[in-house]
Amino acid sequence: MSEVREYPMARTCPFDPPAQQTEDGPVSRVRIETGATAWLVTGYQEQREALVDPRLSSDFRREGYPSRITTKARTRSFISMDNPEHQRQRRMLIKYFTVKRIESMRPAIQKVVDGLLDEMLAGPGSADLVSQFALPLPSLVICDLLGVPYADHDFFQRCSSVQLTMSAPMADREAARDALNGYLLNLVESAVDNPGDDLIGDLVTNQVRPGHLTAAEVADMCSLLLIAGHETTANMIALGTLALLRHPDQLAELRESDDPALMASAVEELLRYLTIVHQGLRRVAVEDIEIGGAQVAAGDGVIISADAGNRAPDAFDGDPDELDIHRSARHHVAFGFGIHQCLGQALARLELDIAYTSLFRRVPTLAVDASLDEIDFKDDMFVYGVRALPITWTVGDER
């Protein structure tokens, strides 16, 4: 029996998941943050099977759930619910995230991207890509969708960042969570008398007023959407830009191509290659179950490591540790799989497509103004990325 490894594990390369995750096979035992043990699933096929198995629960209130923290005093959004409760709440939101509806947002998102790039490129030939482009873009988009004033972005971005920082004291994370939920609750309660033409207004009209949801439940739901809606995409924009700049031949191909399918392929490959949700999708067995030959007992915690699964050599053509924008990677698990697959994935794909296309075509001399060692990677956060990305370009070469 191999030694039980500590989880999460440290990266040795900023673009690669920890290699030691897979050294004990596709399913192994690990010791998590609280000192408890859990099953770590790193095999791609084993992950896909586990993520659709109803015998694995997402409810962190259940005994044995592999929580990162010891306290259970948390609000619960629909991603921490099982069916039928999960499905009931998810259905309330689906119409806002259909592929057709998201595609209809393309002109508005393009306008936001163009405005941010105009402002950034009016500067002296240098900028921080995170604060001036990658973070404001998805923040503006999700604020408009939800009905949250973007003027409050400093507040909600700070609350989000604290909640997602693993090294932050628990009291600080809980205070940030409560502050953001309280802020959103005020917005929801204000919409009861005057609902806007946005997601909060829709939920108030069709769910709160008829008594299907409370205002607090809507606030919890919107907190999840607000955090996920800007943090994940912002980190993908910046980290994906850095990755492509380190592969100049592939970047040149993207710049020169007029085929939208190539950028769509590149987006999928970057999602697979980077897999920024890098602390595992967590479940608890509610019945005895076999995963990859391992006998998982009822009450055992299970962690699905999507970053490891997305590098599985038996799941993707070629070398999965290499970035290849021509790879067929749409079947990756960066958005999860099964009933809890990311609700906002179509929006994320569209934002990434427009952001990368516009940035690289309008700034042909774009370069990173720092060595890899000088870049501050978010190793201590639940969503991986960079805190800042200093860039430069030749003034006068912008488009």
Protein backbone atom coordinates (compact mmCIF):
# COMPACT_ATOMS: atom_id res chain seq x y z
CA MET A 1 0.00 0.00 0.00
CA SER A 2 1.52 3.33 -1.06
CA GLU A 3 1.87 6.22 1.35
CA VAL A 4 -1.17 8.46 1.63
CA ARG A 5 -0.25 11.74 -0.07
CA GLU A 6 -1.30 15.19 1.09
CA TYR A 7 -3.89 16.97 -1.07
CA PRO A 8 -3.90 19.49 -2.64
CA MET A 9 -0.42 19.08 -4.08
CA ALA A 10 1.96 21.80 -5.20
CA ARG A 11 2.62 22.52 -8.85
CA THR A 12 6.20 22.29 -10.10
CA CYS A 13 5.38 24.05 -13.38
CA PRO A 14 2.90 26.95 -13.52
CA PHE A 15 1.11 25.49 -16.54
CA ASP A 16 0.95 21.86 -15.44
CA PRO A 17 -1.03 20.05 -12.72
CA PRO A 18 1.02 18.36 -10.00
CA ALA A 19 2.55 15.21 -11.50
CA GLN A 20 2.35 13.33 -8.19
CA GLN A 21 -1.45 13.28 -8.39
CA THR A 22 -1.34 10.39 -10.84
CA GLU A 23 1.65 8.45 -9.51
CA ASP A 24 -0.55 6.06 -7.49
CA GLY A 25 -2.90 5.27 -10.36
CA PRO A 26 -6.28 6.65 -11.52
CA VAL A 27 -7.83 6.28 -8.05
CA SER A 28 -5.85 6.65 -4.81
CA ARG A 29 -6.19 7.70 -1.19
CA VAL A 30 -5.15 11.20 -0.10
CA ARG A 31 -5.19 13.25 3.09
CA ILE A 32 -7.04 16.55 2.73
CA GLU A 33 -6.85 19.94 4.44
CA THR A 34 -8.82 18.91 7.53
CA GLY A 35 -6.73 15.78 8.13
CA ALA A 36 -9.44 13.42 6.86
CA THR A 37 -8.77 10.97 4.04
CA ALA A 38 -10.59 10.81 0.71
CA TRP A 39 -10.40 9.09 -2.65
CA LEU A 40 -8.66 11.08 -5.39
CA VAL A 41 -9.89 10.28 -8.91
CA THR A 42 -7.44 11.33 -11.62
CA GLY A 43 -8.29 8.97 -14.50
CA TYR A 44 -10.31 10.62 -17.26
CA GLN A 45 -12.81 7.81 -17.83
CA GLU A 46 -13.15 7.20 -14.09
CA GLN A 47 -13.96 10.90 -13.62
CA ARG A 48 -16.65 10.93 -16.29
CA GLU A 49 -18.29 7.88 -14.74
CA ALA A 50 -18.08 9.29 -11.22
CA LEU A 51 -19.53 12.67 -12.21
CA VAL A 52 -22.74 11.10 -13.54
CA ASP A 53 -23.19 8.58 -10.71
CA PRO A 54 -26.10 9.58 -8.44
CA ARG A 55 -24.48 7.63 -5.60
CA LEU A 56 -21.99 10.49 -5.25
CA SER A 57 -23.49 13.54 -3.56
CA SER A 58 -22.50 17.21 -3.87
CA ASP A 59 -24.13 18.11 -0.55
CA PHE A 60 -21.38 19.32 1.80
CA ARG A 61 -23.68 18.86 4.81
CA ARG A 62 -23.44 15.07 4.52
CA GLU A 63 -21.16 13.18 6.87
CA GLY A 64 -17.87 12.35 5.19
CA TYR A 65 -17.97 15.12 2.57
CA PRO A 66 -14.31 16.07 1.89
CA SER A 67 -14.67 19.71 2.89
CA ARG A 68 -11.67 22.01 2.73
CA ILE A 69 -12.78 23.55 6.03
CA THR A 70 -14.12 22.18 9.30
CA THR A 71 -17.04 24.58 9.68
CA LYS A 72 -20.38 23.75 8.09
CA ALA A 73 -21.87 27.19 8.75
CA ARG A 74 -22.18 28.03 5.07
CA THR A 75 -24.96 28.99 2.74
CA ARG A 76 -25.70 26.39 0.09
CA SER A 77 -26.11 27.16 -3.60
CA PHE A 78 -27.55 24.78 -6.16
CA ILE A 79 -24.10 23.38 -7.08
CA SER A 80 -24.06 21.87 -3.58
CA MET A 81 -27.46 20.25 -4.05
CA ASP A 82 -28.46 16.87 -5.47
CA ASN A 83 -31.46 16.14 -7.67
CA PRO A 84 -34.32 16.85 -7.60
CA GLU A 85 -33.54 20.05 -5.65
CA HIS A 86 -30.56 20.85 -7.86
CA GLN A 87 -32.53 20.39 -11.06
CA ARG A 88 -35.42 22.51 -9.77
CA GLN A 89 -33.18 25.52 -9.13
CA ARG A 90 -31.03 25.04 -12.23
CA ARG A 91 -34.14 25.10 -14.44
CA MET A 92 -34.93 28.57 -13.11
CA LEU A 93 -31.69 29.83 -14.71
CA ILE A 94 -31.27 27.77 -17.87
CA LYS A 95 -33.06 30.20 -20.20
CA TYR A 96 -30.42 32.84 -19.46
CA PHE A 97 -27.56 30.55 -20.47
CA THR A 98 -28.78 28.72 -23.59
CA VAL A 99 -26.36 28.74 -26.52
CA LYS A 100 -28.83 30.76 -28.61
CA ARG A 101 -29.32 33.44 -25.96
CA ILE A 102 -25.61 33.70 -25.23
CA GLU A 103 -24.79 34.02 -28.93
CA SER A 104 -27.25 36.91 -29.14
CA MET A 105 -24.98 38.72 -26.67
CA ARG A 106 -22.03 38.68 -29.09
CA PRO A 107 -22.44 42.29 -30.36
CA ALA A 108 -22.77 43.65 -26.81
CA ILE A 109 -19.72 41.71 -25.59
CA GLN A 110 -17.73 42.79 -28.65
CA LYS A 111 -18.59 46.40 -27.82
CA VAL A 112 -17.34 45.94 -24.24
CA VAL A 113 -14.12 44.34 -25.50
CA ASP A 114 -13.53 47.10 -28.03
CA GLY A 115 -14.09 49.79 -25.41
CA LEU A 116 -11.68 48.22 -22.95
CA LEU A 117 -9.02 47.77 -25.63
CA ASP A 118 -9.49 51.36 -26.85
CA GLU A 119 -8.90 52.60 -23.32
CA MET A 120 -5.92 50.32 -22.70
CA LEU A 121 -4.26 51.09 -26.03
CA ALA A 122 -4.62 54.84 -25.46
CA GLY A 123 -1.98 54.40 -22.77
CA PRO A 124 1.82 54.57 -22.99
CA GLY A 125 2.46 51.14 -24.51
CA SER A 126 2.31 49.16 -21.29
CA ALA A 127 -0.47 47.93 -19.02
CA ASP A 128 -1.58 45.26 -16.58
CA LEU A 129 -3.72 42.94 -18.67
CA VAL A 130 -5.58 41.64 -15.61
CA SER A 131 -6.80 44.92 -14.12
CA GLN A 132 -7.29 46.74 -17.43
CA PHE A 133 -8.84 44.02 -19.58
CA ALA A 134 -9.17 40.45 -18.29
CA LEU A 135 -11.01 41.29 -15.05
CA PRO A 136 -13.29 44.15 -16.17
CA LEU A 137 -14.57 42.29 -19.26
CA PRO A 138 -16.41 39.39 -17.55
CA SER A 139 -17.30 41.62 -14.61
CA LEU A 140 -19.13 44.05 -16.89
CA VAL A 141 -20.88 41.22 -18.72
CA ILE A 142 -22.08 39.32 -15.66
CA CYS A 143 -23.18 42.55 -13.94
CA ASP A 144 -25.36 43.42 -16.92
CA LEU A 145 -26.81 39.91 -17.05
CA LEU A 146 -27.62 39.75 -13.34
CA GLY A 147 -28.61 43.36 -12.71
CA VAL A 148 -25.69 44.19 -10.40
CA PRO A 149 -24.27 47.74 -10.63
CA TYR A 150 -20.76 47.56 -12.11
CA ALA A 151 -19.92 50.69 -10.11
CA ASP A 152 -19.65 48.33 -7.12
CA HIS A 153 -17.04 46.12 -8.82
CA ASP A 154 -14.23 46.94 -6.37
CA PHE A 155 -16.41 45.66 -3.54
CA PHE A 156 -17.63 42.41 -5.09
CA GLN A 157 -14.27 41.60 -6.67
CA ARG A 158 -12.60 41.99 -3.28
CA CYS A 159 -15.22 39.81 -1.58
CA SER A 160 -14.82 37.17 -4.29
CA SER A 161 -11.05 37.17 -4.05
CA VAL A 162 -11.05 36.71 -0.27
CA GLN A 163 -13.56 33.85 -0.45
CA LEU A 164 -11.45 32.05 -3.06
CA THR A 165 -8.13 32.45 -1.22
CA MET A 166 -7.30 29.23 0.59
CA SER A 167 -4.68 30.88 2.79
CA ALA A 168 -7.06 33.62 4.01
CA PRO A 169 -8.18 33.24 7.65
CA MET A 170 -11.57 31.54 7.88
CA ALA A 171 -13.03 34.54 9.72
CA ASP A 172 -12.06 36.79 6.79
CA ARG A 173 -13.55 34.40 4.22
CA GLU A 174 -16.80 34.12 6.13
CA ALA A 175 -16.98 37.90 6.57
CA ALA A 176 -16.46 38.38 2.82
CA ARG A 177 -19.14 35.79 2.06
CA ASP A 178 -21.62 37.45 4.43
CA ALA A 179 -20.86 40.92 3.08
CA LEU A 180 -21.43 39.86 -0.53
CA ASN A 181 -24.60 37.91 0.31
CA GLY A 182 -25.93 40.88 2.28
CA TYR A 183 -25.22 43.21 -0.63
CA LEU A 184 -27.00 40.92 -3.08
CA LEU A 185 -29.90 40.40 -0.70
CA ASN A 186 -30.44 44.17 -0.68
CA LEU A 187 -30.54 44.16 -4.48
CA VAL A 188 -33.04 41.30 -4.51
CA GLU A 189 -35.28 42.91 -1.90
CA SER A 190 -35.18 46.21 -3.78
CA ALA A 191 -36.24 44.39 -6.95
CA VAL A 192 -39.36 43.01 -5.25
CA ASP A 193 -41.06 46.39 -5.67
CA ASN A 194 -39.29 47.38 -8.89
CA PRO A 195 -37.92 44.36 -10.81
CA GLY A 196 -35.54 45.16 -13.64
CA ASP A 197 -35.17 43.49 -17.03
CA ASP A 198 -32.39 41.24 -15.80
CA LEU A 199 -31.87 37.89 -14.08
CA ILE A 200 -32.51 39.21 -10.57
CA GLY A 201 -35.72 40.86 -11.75
CA ASP A 202 -36.81 37.65 -13.46
CA LEU A 203 -36.16 35.54 -10.35
CA VAL A 204 -38.00 38.00 -8.15
CA THR A 205 -41.04 38.07 -10.47
CA ASN A 206 -41.23 34.35 -11.22
CA GLN A 207 -39.77 32.73 -8.11
CA VAL A 208 -39.83 35.04 -5.07
CA ARG A 209 -43.27 36.58 -5.52
CA PRO A 210 -45.01 33.20 -6.06
CA GLY A 211 -43.13 31.77 -3.07
CA HIS A 212 -40.95 29.26 -4.92
CA LEU A 213 -37.73 30.82 -3.56
CA THR A 214 -36.95 33.21 -0.74
CA ALA A 215 -35.05 36.44 -1.33
CA ALA A 216 -32.13 34.92 0.59
CA GLU A 217 -32.07 31.88 -1.72
CA VAL A 218 -31.97 34.14 -4.76
CA ALA A 219 -29.11 36.10 -3.18
CA ASP A 220 -27.18 32.84 -2.63
CA MET A 221 -27.81 31.83 -6.22
CA CYS A 222 -26.66 35.20 -7.55
CA SER A 223 -23.55 35.14 -5.37
CA LEU A 224 -22.47 31.92 -7.08
CA LEU A 225 -23.22 33.33 -10.54
CA LEU A 226 -21.44 36.62 -9.84
CA ILE A 227 -18.29 35.00 -8.48
CA ALA A 228 -18.09 32.25 -11.09
CA GLY A 229 -19.13 34.65 -13.83
CA HIS A 230 -16.14 36.93 -13.49
CA GLU A 231 -13.38 35.07 -11.62
CA THR A 232 -13.06 32.05 -13.89
CA THR A 233 -13.20 33.89 -17.21
CA ALA A 234 -10.86 36.65 -16.02
CA ASN A 235 -8.25 34.10 -15.03
CA MET A 236 -8.66 32.20 -18.31
CA ILE A 237 -8.20 35.38 -20.37
CA ALA A 238 -4.95 36.32 -18.65
CA LEU A 239 -3.50 32.83 -18.25
CA GLY A 240 -4.52 31.83 -21.78
CA THR A 241 -2.86 34.97 -23.17
CA LEU A 242 0.34 34.10 -21.34
CA ALA A 243 0.23 30.51 -22.61
CA LEU A 244 -0.28 31.57 -26.23
CA LEU A 245 2.49 34.16 -26.06
CA ARG A 246 4.79 31.31 -25.03
CA HIS A 247 3.75 29.43 -28.20
CA PRO A 248 4.41 32.10 -30.87
CA ASP A 249 3.96 29.78 -33.87
CA GLN A 250 0.46 28.80 -32.78
CA LEU A 251 -0.37 32.40 -31.87
CA ALA A 252 0.76 33.59 -35.31
CA GLU A 253 -1.53 31.01 -36.89
CA LEU A 254 -4.48 32.31 -34.87
CA ARG A 255 -3.71 35.92 -35.82
CA GLU A 256 -3.50 35.14 -39.52
CA SER A 257 -6.50 32.82 -39.78
CA ASP A 258 -9.97 34.01 -40.79
CA ASP A 259 -11.50 30.67 -39.83
CA PRO A 260 -13.55 31.09 -36.62
CA ALA A 261 -13.36 27.33 -36.08
CA LEU A 262 -9.63 27.61 -35.35
CA MET A 263 -10.16 30.08 -32.50
CA ALA A 264 -13.01 27.92 -31.18
CA SER A 265 -10.62 24.96 -31.21
CA ALA A 266 -7.95 27.03 -29.45
CA VAL A 267 -10.40 28.04 -26.72
CA GLU A 268 -11.26 24.40 -26.02
CA GLU A 269 -7.60 23.44 -25.95
CA LEU A 270 -6.74 26.25 -23.56
CA LEU A 271 -9.61 25.24 -21.28
CA ARG A 272 -8.27 21.67 -21.28
CA TYR A 273 -4.60 22.58 -21.00
CA LEU A 274 -4.99 25.11 -18.18
CA THR A 275 -7.99 23.73 -16.21
CA ILE A 276 -8.06 26.67 -13.80
CA VAL A 277 -10.44 25.08 -11.24
CA HIS A 278 -7.57 23.11 -9.78
CA GLN A 279 -8.63 22.05 -6.29
CA GLY A 280 -10.90 19.18 -7.27
CA LEU A 281 -14.64 18.62 -7.64
CA ARG A 282 -15.73 17.19 -4.31
CA ARG A 283 -18.34 14.55 -3.57
CA VAL A 284 -19.30 12.04 -0.86
CA ALA A 285 -20.54 8.49 -1.47
CA VAL A 286 -24.09 7.86 -0.23
CA GLU A 287 -23.85 4.15 -1.08
CA ASP A 288 -21.01 1.68 -1.56
CA ILE A 289 -19.59 2.19 -5.04
CA GLU A 290 -16.68 0.98 -7.16
CA ILE A 291 -14.57 3.61 -8.94
CA GLY A 292 -11.76 2.38 -11.16
CA GLY A 293 -11.47 -0.84 -9.21
CA ALA A 294 -11.39 0.93 -5.82
CA GLN A 295 -14.06 -0.01 -3.32
CA VAL A 296 -15.52 3.27 -2.07
CA ALA A 297 -17.71 2.87 1.00
CA ALA A 298 -20.77 4.92 1.84
CA GLY A 299 -19.56 8.01 3.71
CA ASP A 300 -16.20 8.15 1.95
CA GLY A 301 -15.15 11.47 0.43
CA VAL A 302 -14.28 11.60 -3.27
CA ILE A 303 -12.30 14.30 -5.10
CA ILE A 304 -12.35 14.44 -8.90
CA SER A 305 -9.18 16.17 -10.11
CA ALA A 306 -10.21 17.69 -13.45
CA ASP A 307 -6.75 19.11 -14.12
CA ALA A 308 -5.27 15.60 -13.99
CA GLY A 309 -8.11 14.14 -16.08
CA ASN A 310 -7.55 16.75 -18.77
CA ARG A 311 -3.95 15.59 -19.13
CA ALA A 312 -4.79 11.89 -19.40
CA PRO A 313 -2.88 10.37 -22.34
CA ASP A 314 -5.68 7.90 -23.16
CA ALA A 315 -8.28 10.65 -23.54
CA PHE A 316 -6.66 13.06 -26.01
CA ASP A 317 -4.72 12.66 -29.24
CA GLY A 318 -1.03 13.49 -29.15
CA ASP A 319 0.90 14.57 -26.07
CA PRO A 320 -1.67 15.98 -23.59
CA ASP A 321 1.08 17.92 -21.79
CA GLU A 322 1.63 20.03 -24.90
CA LEU A 323 -0.58 22.91 -26.06
CA ASP A 324 -1.99 22.17 -29.52
CA ILE A 325 -4.69 24.48 -30.88
CA HIS A 326 -5.56 21.89 -33.54
CA ARG A 327 -6.35 19.18 -31.00
CA SER A 328 -9.91 17.92 -30.71
CA ALA A 329 -10.44 18.78 -27.03
CA ARG A 330 -14.14 19.58 -26.71
CA HIS A 331 -14.67 16.50 -24.51
CA HIS A 332 -12.49 17.92 -21.72
CA VAL A 333 -13.80 18.14 -18.15
CA ALA A 334 -12.75 21.72 -17.42
CA PHE A 335 -16.46 22.58 -17.00
CA GLY A 336 -17.15 19.38 -15.12
CA PHE A 337 -19.53 16.73 -16.46
CA GLY A 338 -23.01 15.44 -15.76
CA ILE A 339 -25.79 17.32 -13.98
CA HIS A 340 -23.41 19.81 -12.36
CA GLN A 341 -21.63 20.74 -15.58
CA CYS A 342 -21.00 24.50 -15.58
CA LEU A 343 -24.18 26.40 -16.36
CA GLY A 344 -22.27 29.37 -17.80
CA GLN A 345 -19.93 27.49 -20.14
CA ALA A 346 -21.45 28.95 -23.33
CA LEU A 347 -20.92 32.47 -21.96
CA ALA A 348 -17.33 31.68 -20.96
CA ARG A 349 -16.57 30.27 -24.42
CA LEU A 350 -18.01 33.34 -26.14
CA GLU A 351 -16.13 35.80 -23.92
CA LEU A 352 -12.85 33.94 -24.43
CA ASP A 353 -13.34 33.75 -28.19
CA ILE A 354 -14.00 37.49 -28.52
CA ALA A 355 -11.31 38.49 -26.00
CA TYR A 356 -8.49 36.45 -27.57
CA THR A 357 -9.48 37.29 -31.16
CA SER A 358 -9.70 41.03 -30.53
CA LEU A 359 -6.64 41.29 -28.30
CA PHE A 360 -4.24 39.43 -30.59
CA ARG A 361 -5.44 41.04 -33.81
CA ARG A 362 -5.47 44.57 -32.47
CA VAL A 363 -2.13 44.29 -30.67
CA PRO A 364 0.24 42.41 -33.01
CA THR A 365 3.31 43.41 -30.99
CA LEU A 366 1.87 42.27 -27.66
CA ALA A 367 4.53 40.92 -25.28
CA VAL A 368 4.80 40.01 -21.59
CA ASP A 369 6.98 42.45 -19.68
CA ALA A 370 8.19 39.98 -17.03
CA SER A 371 9.97 36.68 -16.76
CA LEU A 372 7.98 33.63 -15.71
CA ASP A 373 9.64 33.74 -12.28
CA GLU A 374 8.44 37.31 -11.77
CA ILE A 375 4.77 36.54 -12.43
CA ASP A 376 2.60 35.98 -9.35
CA PHE A 377 0.57 32.82 -9.96
CA LYS A 378 -2.51 32.10 -7.84
CA ASP A 379 -1.32 28.85 -6.29
CA ASP A 380 -3.21 29.60 -3.07
CA MET A 381 -6.61 30.15 -4.68
CA PHE A 382 -9.41 27.81 -5.69
CA VAL A 383 -9.37 29.33 -9.18
CA TYR A 384 -5.90 29.36 -10.73
CA GLY A 385 -4.48 32.25 -12.71
CA VAL A 386 -2.20 35.27 -12.34
CA ARG A 387 -2.70 38.25 -10.08
CA ALA A 388 -1.24 40.61 -12.65
CA LEU A 389 0.21 40.29 -16.14
CA PRO A 390 2.41 43.23 -17.22
CA ILE A 391 2.31 43.62 -20.99
CA THR A 392 3.88 45.94 -23.54
CA TRP A 393 3.34 46.77 -27.20
CA THR A 394 4.79 49.08 -29.78
CA VAL A 395 2.83 52.32 -29.82
CA GLY A 396 1.58 52.99 -33.32
CA ASP A 397 1.23 49.32 -34.26
CA GLU A 398 -2.19 48.98 -32.61
CA ARG A 399 -5.20 48.29 -34.80
